[in-house]
Amino acid sequence: IVLKWKADSTNNIDYFTIEKSIDGFIFNEIGKVINTKSKNTEYTFTDNDNNNEINYYKLKIVDYTGNFKYYSDEPTLVASDVKHEIRIYPNPSDGENINIFIKKKK
């Protein structure tokens, strides 16, 4: 499973932590992505532990002082055995509008 996100302003961000859960309640850190300090950078993280189940992910944003916040209060739901490509954008959203694109995979 490839997780992608974009960061417009990364001046104070040290790194991103990816957390995963199979029940949506108990999350474990599965990886870290270091900030490239470039504007409009698209970041990716590949979760190679495909358990063929539904997974939940959280993105933690950590600054240089160790303070952090989560990208969203709600985890993102991803199904491992996906027959469709699903995109939710813009990322980050303006807090009012999002677009959902669904396309059947070949």
C-alpha atoms as a PDB file:
ATOM      1  CA  ILE A   1       0.000   0.000   0.000  1.00  0.00           C
ATOM      2  CA  VAL A   2       1.476   3.332  -1.054  1.00  0.00           C
ATOM      3  CA  LEU A   3       0.471   6.315   1.073  1.00  0.00           C
ATOM      4  CA  LYS A   4       0.924   9.773  -0.467  1.00  0.00           C
ATOM      5  CA  TRP A   5       0.559  13.279   0.905  1.00  0.00           C
ATOM      6  CA  LYS A   6       1.658  16.772   0.045  1.00  0.00           C
ATOM      7  CA  ALA A   7       3.011  19.511   2.291  1.00  0.00           C
ATOM      8  CA  ASP A   8       2.822  23.122   1.139  1.00  0.00           C
ATOM      9  CA  SER A   9       4.771  24.691   4.000  1.00  0.00           C
ATOM     10  CA  THR A  10       7.406  22.556   5.697  1.00  0.00           C
ATOM     11  CA  ASN A  11       9.625  25.169   7.374  1.00  0.00           C
ATOM     12  CA  ASN A  12       9.114  23.927  10.936  1.00  0.00           C
ATOM     13  CA  ILE A  13       8.513  20.240  10.158  1.00  0.00           C
ATOM     14  CA  ASP A  14      11.320  17.835  11.072  1.00  0.00           C
ATOM     15  CA  TYR A  15       9.650  14.595   9.957  1.00  0.00           C
ATOM     16  CA  PHE A  16       6.387  12.731   9.441  1.00  0.00           C
ATOM     17  CA  THR A  17       5.473   9.547  11.312  1.00  0.00           C
ATOM     18  CA  ILE A  18       3.079   7.004   9.819  1.00  0.00           C
ATOM     19  CA  GLU A  19       0.932   5.028  12.248  1.00  0.00           C
ATOM     20  CA  LYS A  20      -1.186   1.976  11.375  1.00  0.00           C
ATOM     21  CA  SER A  21      -4.083   0.137  12.993  1.00  0.00           C
ATOM     22  CA  ILE A  22      -6.241  -2.820  11.995  1.00  0.00           C
ATOM     23  CA  ASP A  23      -9.093  -1.832  14.315  1.00  0.00           C
ATOM     24  CA  GLY A  24      -9.010   1.987  14.087  1.00  0.00           C
ATOM     25  CA  PHE A  25      -8.293   2.364  17.807  1.00  0.00           C
ATOM     26  CA  ILE A  26      -4.827   1.016  18.636  1.00  0.00           C
ATOM     27  CA  PHE A  27      -2.122   2.534  16.414  1.00  0.00           C
ATOM     28  CA  ASN A  28       1.525   1.560  16.065  1.00  0.00           C
ATOM     29  CA  GLU A  29       4.292   3.531  14.379  1.00  0.00           C
ATOM     30  CA  ILE A  30       5.342   1.783  11.161  1.00  0.00           C
ATOM     31  CA  GLY A  31       7.647   4.359   9.616  1.00  0.00           C
ATOM     32  CA  LYS A  32       9.142   7.804   9.438  1.00  0.00           C
ATOM     33  CA  VAL A  33       9.673  10.141   6.478  1.00  0.00           C
ATOM     34  CA  ILE A  34      12.189  12.962   6.839  1.00  0.00           C
ATOM     35  CA  ASN A  35      11.157  16.420   5.635  1.00  0.00           C
ATOM     36  CA  THR A  36      12.890  17.432   2.384  1.00  0.00           C
ATOM     37  CA  LYS A  37      12.266  21.130   3.119  1.00  0.00           C
ATOM     38  CA  SER A  38      11.024  21.712  -0.431  1.00  0.00           C
ATOM     39  CA  LYS A  39       7.782  23.538  -1.158  1.00  0.00           C
ATOM     40  CA  ASN A  40       4.876  21.542  -2.617  1.00  0.00           C
ATOM     41  CA  THR A  41       6.702  18.269  -2.100  1.00  0.00           C
ATOM     42  CA  GLU A  42       4.752  15.052  -2.472  1.00  0.00           C
ATOM     43  CA  TYR A  43       5.822  12.504   0.117  1.00  0.00           C
ATOM     44  CA  THR A  44       5.259   8.763  -0.102  1.00  0.00           C
ATOM     45  CA  PHE A  45       5.521   5.830   2.251  1.00  0.00           C
ATOM     46  CA  THR A  46       5.065   2.194   1.259  1.00  0.00           C
ATOM     47  CA  ASP A  47       3.504  -0.197   3.754  1.00  0.00           C
ATOM     48  CA  ASN A  48       4.872  -3.572   2.669  1.00  0.00           C
ATOM     49  CA  ASP A  49       2.987  -5.432   5.404  1.00  0.00           C
ATOM     50  CA  ASN A  50      -0.104  -6.172   3.321  1.00  0.00           C
ATOM     51  CA  ASN A  51      -2.323  -8.165   5.655  1.00  0.00           C
ATOM     52  CA  ASN A  52      -5.192  -8.350   3.133  1.00  0.00           C
ATOM     53  CA  GLU A  53      -7.431  -6.637   5.648  1.00  0.00           C
ATOM     54  CA  ILE A  54      -8.770  -3.148   6.138  1.00  0.00           C
ATOM     55  CA  ASN A  55      -6.129  -0.838   7.576  1.00  0.00           C
ATOM     56  CA  TYR A  56      -6.324   2.571   9.219  1.00  0.00           C
ATOM     57  CA  TYR A  57      -3.523   5.122   9.000  1.00  0.00           C
ATOM     58  CA  LYS A  58      -2.629   8.337  10.816  1.00  0.00           C
ATOM     59  CA  LEU A  59      -0.040  10.883   9.761  1.00  0.00           C
ATOM     60  CA  LYS A  60       1.818  12.575  12.632  1.00  0.00           C
ATOM     61  CA  ILE A  61       3.646  15.824  11.867  1.00  0.00           C
ATOM     62  CA  VAL A  62       6.621  16.438  14.178  1.00  0.00           C
ATOM     63  CA  ASP A  63       8.477  19.766  14.458  1.00  0.00           C
ATOM     64  CA  TYR A  64      12.102  20.400  15.449  1.00  0.00           C
ATOM     65  CA  THR A  65      11.231  20.796  19.143  1.00  0.00           C
ATOM     66  CA  GLY A  66       9.478  17.412  19.280  1.00  0.00           C
ATOM     67  CA  ASN A  67       5.977  18.882  19.372  1.00  0.00           C
ATOM     68  CA  PHE A  68       3.534  17.147  17.086  1.00  0.00           C
ATOM     69  CA  LYS A  69       0.040  17.205  15.676  1.00  0.00           C
ATOM     70  CA  TYR A  70      -1.920  14.771  13.575  1.00  0.00           C
ATOM     71  CA  TYR A  71      -2.907  15.619  10.025  1.00  0.00           C
ATOM     72  CA  SER A  72      -6.517  14.793  10.866  1.00  0.00           C
ATOM     73  CA  ASP A  73      -8.518  13.864  13.935  1.00  0.00           C
ATOM     74  CA  GLU A  74      -9.935  10.905  12.018  1.00  0.00           C
ATOM     75  CA  PRO A  75      -7.776   8.057  10.693  1.00  0.00           C
ATOM     76  CA  THR A  76      -7.731   7.328   6.962  1.00  0.00           C
ATOM     77  CA  LEU A  77      -9.283   4.005   5.992  1.00  0.00           C
ATOM     78  CA  VAL A  78      -7.489   1.932   3.338  1.00  0.00           C
ATOM     79  CA  ALA A  79      -8.540  -1.501   2.106  1.00  0.00           C
ATOM     80  CA  SER A  80      -5.642  -3.761   1.100  1.00  0.00           C
ATOM     81  CA  ASP A  81      -7.440  -5.804  -1.522  1.00  0.00           C
ATOM     82  CA  VAL A  82      -8.588  -2.839  -3.563  1.00  0.00           C
ATOM     83  CA  LYS A  83     -10.235  -3.198  -6.938  1.00  0.00           C
ATOM     84  CA  HIS A  84     -10.604   0.572  -7.366  1.00  0.00           C
ATOM     85  CA  GLU A  85      -8.264   3.533  -7.281  1.00  0.00           C
ATOM     86  CA  ILE A  86      -9.545   6.067  -4.782  1.00  0.00           C
ATOM     87  CA  ARG A  87      -8.205   9.612  -4.474  1.00  0.00           C
ATOM     88  CA  ILE A  88      -9.327  12.191  -1.969  1.00  0.00           C
ATOM     89  CA  TYR A  89      -8.171  15.735  -2.660  1.00  0.00           C
ATOM     90  CA  PRO A  90      -7.121  18.458  -2.085  1.00  0.00           C
ATOM     91  CA  ASN A  91      -4.582  17.313   0.464  1.00  0.00           C
ATOM     92  CA  PRO A  92      -4.558  19.203   2.712  1.00  0.00           C
ATOM     93  CA  SER A  93      -8.149  20.320   2.378  1.00  0.00           C
ATOM     94  CA  ASP A  94      -9.492  23.771   3.128  1.00  0.00           C
ATOM     95  CA  GLY A  95     -11.618  22.229   5.876  1.00  0.00           C
ATOM     96  CA  GLU A  96     -14.830  22.739   3.927  1.00  0.00           C
ATOM     97  CA  ASN A  97     -14.567  20.912   0.592  1.00  0.00           C
ATOM     98  CA  ILE A  98     -13.005  17.675  -0.602  1.00  0.00           C
ATOM     99  CA  ASN A  99     -13.195  15.769  -3.870  1.00  0.00           C
ATOM    100  CA  ILE A 100     -13.411  11.993  -4.118  1.00  0.00           C
ATOM    101  CA  PHE A 101     -12.297  10.274  -7.328  1.00  0.00           C
ATOM    102  CA  ILE A 102     -13.054   6.558  -7.800  1.00  0.00           C
ATOM    103  CA  LYS A 103     -11.796   4.586 -10.793  1.00  0.00           C
ATOM    104  CA  LYS A 104     -11.942   0.840 -11.387  1.00  0.00           C
ATOM    105  CA  LYS A 105      -8.498  -0.749 -11.635  1.00  0.00           C
ATOM    106  CA  LYS A 106      -7.716  -2.829 -14.707  1.00  0.00           C
END
